[in-house]
Amino acid sequence: MSEELISKKDLLQLTGISYGQLYRWKRKNIIPEEWFMKKSSFTGQETFFPKQKILDRIEKIKELKDDQSLDDIARVFSISEETVSDRGHDPLSLEQVPKQVLQIYQSLFPNTELENLGTVQLCSLLFVNDWLSKGSVTIDEINQFLRLVETHKHQINLDEAFVIYIRKFGIGTWIIGNQHGTFVDQKDSILINVALSSYLNKSVK
């Protein structure tokens, strides 16, 4: 059964995005070039796309674009589309995590050997460093996040995990969900919404 296609004109009308946005996302590799398919039509040549794939992708881009740069969004999609064996990147190491962040972790989990930390935990520590340096969260809030990760580290799928932080009336809540199955009310109270996998190759300056 052939894949259902959608024309460029219909896509722009349906999603409300502009021609310029579509091709800017193409240049950034946020939308794969192979999804732009030239086909003959009664008006000549027209561009078509795999309908469900591009609609899902544009919906996700819209969710992310207010909180992340186009380069970060491109990194999220490139990581999620590659298998672990095909990534071709060096694995994360303790050396990439600042000493003060490791000290926070050790204060919470003194019996854990740092050398045994998995990729989910290391990505989480780089996430911690990022958001502490931005001044967006407190140490107490970070401690809550690290406890959540430690509790569910074996259930977290790094390729799908999104970290969301909501603070309302001074009370914060951490959510670790995925891009397809997490529904949050009061969008204006979301302080953080980021793919955990975006920290796989993020260097610490």
C-alpha atoms as a PDB file:
ATOM      1  CA  MET A   1       0.000   0.000   0.000  1.00  0.00           C
ATOM      2  CA  SER A   2       1.527   3.319  -1.071  1.00  0.00           C
ATOM      3  CA  GLU A   3       2.096   6.111   1.426  1.00  0.00           C
ATOM      4  CA  GLU A   4      -0.443   8.947   1.399  1.00  0.00           C
ATOM      5  CA  LEU A   5       1.046  12.203   0.120  1.00  0.00           C
ATOM      6  CA  ILE A   6       0.156  15.851   0.618  1.00  0.00           C
ATOM      7  CA  SER A   7       0.999  18.696  -1.746  1.00  0.00           C
ATOM      8  CA  LYS A   8       3.054  21.666  -0.611  1.00  0.00           C
ATOM      9  CA  LYS A   9       0.121  24.022  -1.168  1.00  0.00           C
ATOM     10  CA  ASP A  10      -2.223  21.885   0.929  1.00  0.00           C
ATOM     11  CA  LEU A  11       0.433  21.452   3.609  1.00  0.00           C
ATOM     12  CA  LEU A  12       0.945  25.196   4.010  1.00  0.00           C
ATOM     13  CA  GLN A  13      -2.802  25.796   4.194  1.00  0.00           C
ATOM     14  CA  LEU A  14      -3.397  22.971   6.656  1.00  0.00           C
ATOM     15  CA  THR A  15      -0.565  23.824   9.062  1.00  0.00           C
ATOM     16  CA  GLY A  16      -0.555  27.612   8.763  1.00  0.00           C
ATOM     17  CA  ILE A  17       3.203  27.778   8.241  1.00  0.00           C
ATOM     18  CA  SER A  18       4.815  29.921   5.570  1.00  0.00           C
ATOM     19  CA  TYR A  19       6.830  28.923   2.513  1.00  0.00           C
ATOM     20  CA  GLY A  20       9.862  30.561   4.136  1.00  0.00           C
ATOM     21  CA  GLN A  21       9.506  28.575   7.361  1.00  0.00           C
ATOM     22  CA  LEU A  22       9.204  25.307   5.465  1.00  0.00           C
ATOM     23  CA  TYR A  23      12.421  25.855   3.535  1.00  0.00           C
ATOM     24  CA  ARG A  24      14.269  27.272   6.531  1.00  0.00           C
ATOM     25  CA  TRP A  25      13.498  24.028   8.370  1.00  0.00           C
ATOM     26  CA  LYS A  26      14.689  22.098   5.339  1.00  0.00           C
ATOM     27  CA  ARG A  27      18.013  23.998   5.321  1.00  0.00           C
ATOM     28  CA  LYS A  28      18.460  23.205   9.017  1.00  0.00           C
ATOM     29  CA  ASN A  29      17.720  19.498   8.368  1.00  0.00           C
ATOM     30  CA  ILE A  30      14.744  19.687  10.698  1.00  0.00           C
ATOM     31  CA  ILE A  31      12.660  18.348   7.824  1.00  0.00           C
ATOM     32  CA  PRO A  32      14.591  15.733   5.807  1.00  0.00           C
ATOM     33  CA  GLU A  33      15.376  16.671   2.225  1.00  0.00           C
ATOM     34  CA  GLU A  34      14.126  13.290   1.006  1.00  0.00           C
ATOM     35  CA  TRP A  35      10.621  14.225   2.154  1.00  0.00           C
ATOM     36  CA  PHE A  36      10.500  16.913  -0.578  1.00  0.00           C
ATOM     37  CA  MET A  37       9.335  14.864  -3.555  1.00  0.00           C
ATOM     38  CA  LYS A  38       8.878  16.411  -7.017  1.00  0.00           C
ATOM     39  CA  LYS A  39       6.009  14.869  -8.956  1.00  0.00           C
ATOM     40  CA  SER A  40       4.146  15.698 -12.144  1.00  0.00           C
ATOM     41  CA  SER A  41       0.708  17.231 -11.768  1.00  0.00           C
ATOM     42  CA  PHE A  42      -1.795  18.884 -14.083  1.00  0.00           C
ATOM     43  CA  THR A  43      -0.103  22.239 -13.352  1.00  0.00           C
ATOM     44  CA  GLY A  44       3.364  20.895 -14.134  1.00  0.00           C
ATOM     45  CA  GLN A  45       5.798  19.835 -11.413  1.00  0.00           C
ATOM     46  CA  GLU A  46       4.672  20.036  -7.806  1.00  0.00           C
ATOM     47  CA  THR A  47       6.277  19.197  -4.463  1.00  0.00           C
ATOM     48  CA  PHE A  48       4.661  16.511  -2.326  1.00  0.00           C
ATOM     49  CA  PHE A  49       5.426  15.134   1.138  1.00  0.00           C
ATOM     50  CA  PRO A  50       4.657  11.930   3.069  1.00  0.00           C
ATOM     51  CA  LYS A  51       1.520  13.245   4.732  1.00  0.00           C
ATOM     52  CA  GLN A  52       1.549  11.733   8.208  1.00  0.00           C
ATOM     53  CA  LYS A  53       5.298  12.072   8.691  1.00  0.00           C
ATOM     54  CA  ILE A  54       5.407  15.760   7.801  1.00  0.00           C
ATOM     55  CA  LEU A  55       2.288  16.645   9.777  1.00  0.00           C
ATOM     56  CA  ASP A  56       3.697  14.921  12.877  1.00  0.00           C
ATOM     57  CA  ARG A  57       7.055  16.626  12.371  1.00  0.00           C
ATOM     58  CA  ILE A  58       5.577  20.120  11.952  1.00  0.00           C
ATOM     59  CA  GLU A  59       3.390  19.658  15.026  1.00  0.00           C
ATOM     60  CA  LYS A  60       6.468  18.742  17.060  1.00  0.00           C
ATOM     61  CA  ILE A  61       8.485  21.674  15.664  1.00  0.00           C
ATOM     62  CA  LYS A  62       5.706  24.061  16.692  1.00  0.00           C
ATOM     63  CA  GLU A  63       5.803  22.631  20.226  1.00  0.00           C
ATOM     64  CA  LEU A  64       9.571  23.077  20.515  1.00  0.00           C
ATOM     65  CA  LYS A  65      10.348  26.271  18.611  1.00  0.00           C
ATOM     66  CA  ASP A  66       9.433  28.721  21.388  1.00  0.00           C
ATOM     67  CA  ASP A  67      11.805  27.063  23.864  1.00  0.00           C
ATOM     68  CA  GLN A  68      14.659  25.827  21.678  1.00  0.00           C
ATOM     69  CA  SER A  69      16.760  27.162  18.822  1.00  0.00           C
ATOM     70  CA  LEU A  70      16.454  25.630  15.367  1.00  0.00           C
ATOM     71  CA  ASP A  71      19.910  24.091  15.808  1.00  0.00           C
ATOM     72  CA  ASP A  72      18.818  22.389  19.046  1.00  0.00           C
ATOM     73  CA  ILE A  73      15.625  21.131  17.411  1.00  0.00           C
ATOM     74  CA  ALA A  74      17.650  19.741  14.512  1.00  0.00           C
ATOM     75  CA  ARG A  75      19.897  17.958  17.006  1.00  0.00           C
ATOM     76  CA  VAL A  76      16.880  16.425  18.750  1.00  0.00           C
ATOM     77  CA  PHE A  77      15.515  14.990  15.520  1.00  0.00           C
ATOM     78  CA  SER A  78      18.884  13.790  14.251  1.00  0.00           C
ATOM     79  CA  ILE A  79      19.488  11.897  17.487  1.00  0.00           C
ATOM     80  CA  SER A  80      16.018  10.348  17.613  1.00  0.00           C
ATOM     81  CA  GLU A  81      16.284   9.145  14.005  1.00  0.00           C
ATOM     82  CA  GLU A  82      19.620   7.404  14.465  1.00  0.00           C
ATOM     83  CA  THR A  83      20.115   4.118  16.260  1.00  0.00           C
ATOM     84  CA  VAL A  84      22.540   3.951  19.130  1.00  0.00           C
ATOM     85  CA  SER A  85      25.016   1.950  17.070  1.00  0.00           C
ATOM     86  CA  ASP A  86      24.850   4.358  14.147  1.00  0.00           C
ATOM     87  CA  ARG A  87      25.335   7.583  16.046  1.00  0.00           C
ATOM     88  CA  GLY A  88      29.073   7.548  15.592  1.00  0.00           C
ATOM     89  CA  HIS A  89      29.654   9.829  18.576  1.00  0.00           C
ATOM     90  CA  ASP A  90      31.876   9.256  21.567  1.00  0.00           C
ATOM     91  CA  PRO A  91      29.949   8.047  24.626  1.00  0.00           C
ATOM     92  CA  LEU A  92      29.375  10.478  27.462  1.00  0.00           C
ATOM     93  CA  SER A  93      31.951  10.436  30.207  1.00  0.00           C
ATOM     94  CA  LEU A  94      32.251  11.802  33.737  1.00  0.00           C
ATOM     95  CA  GLU A  95      34.811  14.326  32.488  1.00  0.00           C
ATOM     96  CA  GLN A  96      32.014  16.156  30.650  1.00  0.00           C
ATOM     97  CA  VAL A  97      30.101  16.799  33.875  1.00  0.00           C
ATOM     98  CA  PRO A  98      31.313  19.759  35.990  1.00  0.00           C
ATOM     99  CA  LYS A  99      32.656  18.859  39.415  1.00  0.00           C
ATOM    100  CA  GLN A 100      30.079  20.930  41.294  1.00  0.00           C
ATOM    101  CA  VAL A 101      27.227  19.063  39.571  1.00  0.00           C
ATOM    102  CA  LEU A 102      28.769  15.709  40.482  1.00  0.00           C
ATOM    103  CA  GLN A 103      28.986  16.935  44.079  1.00  0.00           C
ATOM    104  CA  ILE A 104      25.247  17.665  44.071  1.00  0.00           C
ATOM    105  CA  TYR A 105      24.589  14.147  42.816  1.00  0.00           C
ATOM    106  CA  GLN A 106      26.926  12.567  45.388  1.00  0.00           C
ATOM    107  CA  SER A 107      25.269  14.483  48.222  1.00  0.00           C
ATOM    108  CA  LEU A 108      21.964  12.843  47.263  1.00  0.00           C
ATOM    109  CA  PHE A 109      23.286   9.372  46.441  1.00  0.00           C
ATOM    110  CA  PRO A 110      26.519   8.896  48.436  1.00  0.00           C
ATOM    111  CA  ASN A 111      26.547   5.126  47.927  1.00  0.00           C
ATOM    112  CA  THR A 112      26.481   5.274  44.129  1.00  0.00           C
ATOM    113  CA  GLU A 113      29.783   4.818  42.303  1.00  0.00           C
ATOM    114  CA  LEU A 114      30.095   7.641  39.769  1.00  0.00           C
ATOM    115  CA  GLU A 115      31.912   5.332  37.351  1.00  0.00           C
ATOM    116  CA  ASN A 116      28.728   3.255  37.121  1.00  0.00           C
ATOM    117  CA  LEU A 117      26.461   6.092  35.991  1.00  0.00           C
ATOM    118  CA  GLY A 118      24.532   5.298  32.815  1.00  0.00           C
ATOM    119  CA  THR A 119      23.860   7.524  29.821  1.00  0.00           C
ATOM    120  CA  VAL A 120      20.450   8.621  31.133  1.00  0.00           C
ATOM    121  CA  GLN A 121      22.041   9.765  34.389  1.00  0.00           C
ATOM    122  CA  LEU A 122      24.912  11.566  32.636  1.00  0.00           C
ATOM    123  CA  CYS A 123      22.509  13.372  30.284  1.00  0.00           C
ATOM    124  CA  SER A 124      20.471  14.344  33.336  1.00  0.00           C
ATOM    125  CA  LEU A 125      23.554  15.810  35.023  1.00  0.00           C
ATOM    126  CA  LEU A 126      24.390  17.858  31.918  1.00  0.00           C
ATOM    127  CA  PHE A 127      20.766  19.024  31.918  1.00  0.00           C
ATOM    128  CA  VAL A 128      21.208  20.043  35.569  1.00  0.00           C
ATOM    129  CA  ASN A 129      24.350  22.020  34.754  1.00  0.00           C
ATOM    130  CA  ASP A 130      22.606  23.775  31.860  1.00  0.00           C
ATOM    131  CA  TRP A 131      19.563  24.934  33.795  1.00  0.00           C
ATOM    132  CA  LEU A 132      21.414  25.814  36.989  1.00  0.00           C
ATOM    133  CA  SER A 133      23.759  28.025  34.960  1.00  0.00           C
ATOM    134  CA  LYS A 134      20.726  29.762  33.435  1.00  0.00           C
ATOM    135  CA  GLY A 135      19.396  30.491  36.917  1.00  0.00           C
ATOM    136  CA  SER A 136      16.014  29.008  36.007  1.00  0.00           C
ATOM    137  CA  VAL A 137      15.786  26.485  38.845  1.00  0.00           C
ATOM    138  CA  THR A 138      16.914  26.192  42.443  1.00  0.00           C
ATOM    139  CA  ILE A 139      19.087  23.535  44.060  1.00  0.00           C
ATOM    140  CA  ASP A 140      16.031  22.099  45.820  1.00  0.00           C
ATOM    141  CA  GLU A 141      14.222  21.802  42.486  1.00  0.00           C
ATOM    142  CA  ILE A 142      17.258  20.126  40.939  1.00  0.00           C
ATOM    143  CA  ASN A 143      17.388  17.662  43.831  1.00  0.00           C
ATOM    144  CA  GLN A 144      13.755  16.740  43.124  1.00  0.00           C
ATOM    145  CA  PHE A 145      14.614  16.164  39.463  1.00  0.00           C
ATOM    146  CA  LEU A 146      17.630  13.966  40.231  1.00  0.00           C
ATOM    147  CA  ARG A 147      15.590  11.835  42.635  1.00  0.00           C
ATOM    148  CA  LEU A 148      12.942  11.377  39.940  1.00  0.00           C
ATOM    149  CA  VAL A 149      15.560  10.287  37.397  1.00  0.00           C
ATOM    150  CA  GLU A 150      17.195   7.920  39.870  1.00  0.00           C
ATOM    151  CA  THR A 151      13.849   6.291  40.656  1.00  0.00           C
ATOM    152  CA  HIS A 152      12.922   5.736  37.004  1.00  0.00           C
ATOM    153  CA  LYS A 153      16.322   5.511  35.284  1.00  0.00           C
ATOM    154  CA  HIS A 154      15.635   2.011  33.943  1.00  0.00           C
ATOM    155  CA  GLN A 155      12.256   3.011  32.485  1.00  0.00           C
ATOM    156  CA  ILE A 156      13.426   6.221  30.773  1.00  0.00           C
ATOM    157  CA  ASN A 157      13.842   5.834  27.015  1.00  0.00           C
ATOM    158  CA  LEU A 158      16.492   8.395  26.120  1.00  0.00           C
ATOM    159  CA  ASP A 159      15.384   8.619  22.486  1.00  0.00           C
ATOM    160  CA  GLU A 160      11.878   9.702  23.516  1.00  0.00           C
ATOM    161  CA  ALA A 161      12.244  11.357  26.924  1.00  0.00           C
ATOM    162  CA  PHE A 162      11.267  14.998  27.318  1.00  0.00           C
ATOM    163  CA  VAL A 163      11.872  16.834  30.588  1.00  0.00           C
ATOM    164  CA  ILE A 164       9.116  19.267  31.504  1.00  0.00           C
ATOM    165  CA  TYR A 165       9.080  21.558  34.529  1.00  0.00           C
ATOM    166  CA  ILE A 166       5.960  23.397  35.613  1.00  0.00           C
ATOM    167  CA  ARG A 167       5.893  25.968  38.386  1.00  0.00           C
ATOM    168  CA  LYS A 168       2.541  27.358  39.472  1.00  0.00           C
ATOM    169  CA  PHE A 169       1.847  29.500  42.526  1.00  0.00           C
ATOM    170  CA  GLY A 170       5.397  28.823  43.649  1.00  0.00           C
ATOM    171  CA  ILE A 171       5.020  25.038  43.532  1.00  0.00           C
ATOM    172  CA  GLY A 172       7.025  23.105  40.957  1.00  0.00           C
ATOM    173  CA  THR A 173       6.467  19.717  39.345  1.00  0.00           C
ATOM    174  CA  TRP A 174       8.846  17.679  37.193  1.00  0.00           C
ATOM    175  CA  ILE A 175       7.509  15.477  34.401  1.00  0.00           C
ATOM    176  CA  ILE A 176       9.539  13.039  32.327  1.00  0.00           C
ATOM    177  CA  GLY A 177       7.354  12.077  29.379  1.00  0.00           C
ATOM    178  CA  ASN A 178       7.603  11.509  25.657  1.00  0.00           C
ATOM    179  CA  GLN A 179       6.727  13.616  22.644  1.00  0.00           C
ATOM    180  CA  HIS A 180       3.565  11.639  21.855  1.00  0.00           C
ATOM    181  CA  GLY A 181       2.049  10.865  25.244  1.00  0.00           C
ATOM    182  CA  THR A 182       2.463  13.844  27.585  1.00  0.00           C
ATOM    183  CA  PHE A 183      -0.387  16.297  28.048  1.00  0.00           C
ATOM    184  CA  VAL A 184       0.032  19.327  30.288  1.00  0.00           C
ATOM    185  CA  ASP A 185      -2.466  22.030  31.193  1.00  0.00           C
ATOM    186  CA  GLN A 186      -1.592  25.699  31.665  1.00  0.00           C
ATOM    187  CA  LYS A 187       1.079  25.965  28.994  1.00  0.00           C
ATOM    188  CA  ASP A 188       2.130  29.418  30.180  1.00  0.00           C
ATOM    189  CA  SER A 189       3.441  27.919  33.436  1.00  0.00           C
ATOM    190  CA  ILE A 190       5.840  25.521  31.667  1.00  0.00           C
ATOM    191  CA  LEU A 191       9.388  26.710  32.406  1.00  0.00           C
ATOM    192  CA  ILE A 192      11.299  23.848  30.785  1.00  0.00           C
ATOM    193  CA  ASN A 193      10.387  21.533  27.909  1.00  0.00           C
ATOM    194  CA  VAL A 194      13.463  19.897  26.430  1.00  0.00           C
ATOM    195  CA  ALA A 195      14.493  16.546  24.979  1.00  0.00           C
ATOM    196  CA  LEU A 196      16.885  14.782  27.339  1.00  0.00           C
ATOM    197  CA  SER A 197      18.725  13.365  24.314  1.00  0.00           C
ATOM    198  CA  SER A 198      19.730  16.896  23.276  1.00  0.00           C
ATOM    199  CA  TYR A 199      22.463  16.650  25.945  1.00  0.00           C
ATOM    200  CA  LEU A 200      24.124  13.611  24.389  1.00  0.00           C
ATOM    201  CA  ASN A 201      26.797  15.668  22.643  1.00  0.00           C
ATOM    202  CA  LYS A 202      26.504  19.002  24.375  1.00  0.00           C
ATOM    203  CA  SER A 203      29.906  20.211  25.506  1.00  0.00           C
ATOM    204  CA  VAL A 204      30.294  22.117  28.756  1.00  0.00           C
ATOM    205  CA  LYS A 205      32.042  25.423  28.328  1.00  0.00           C
END
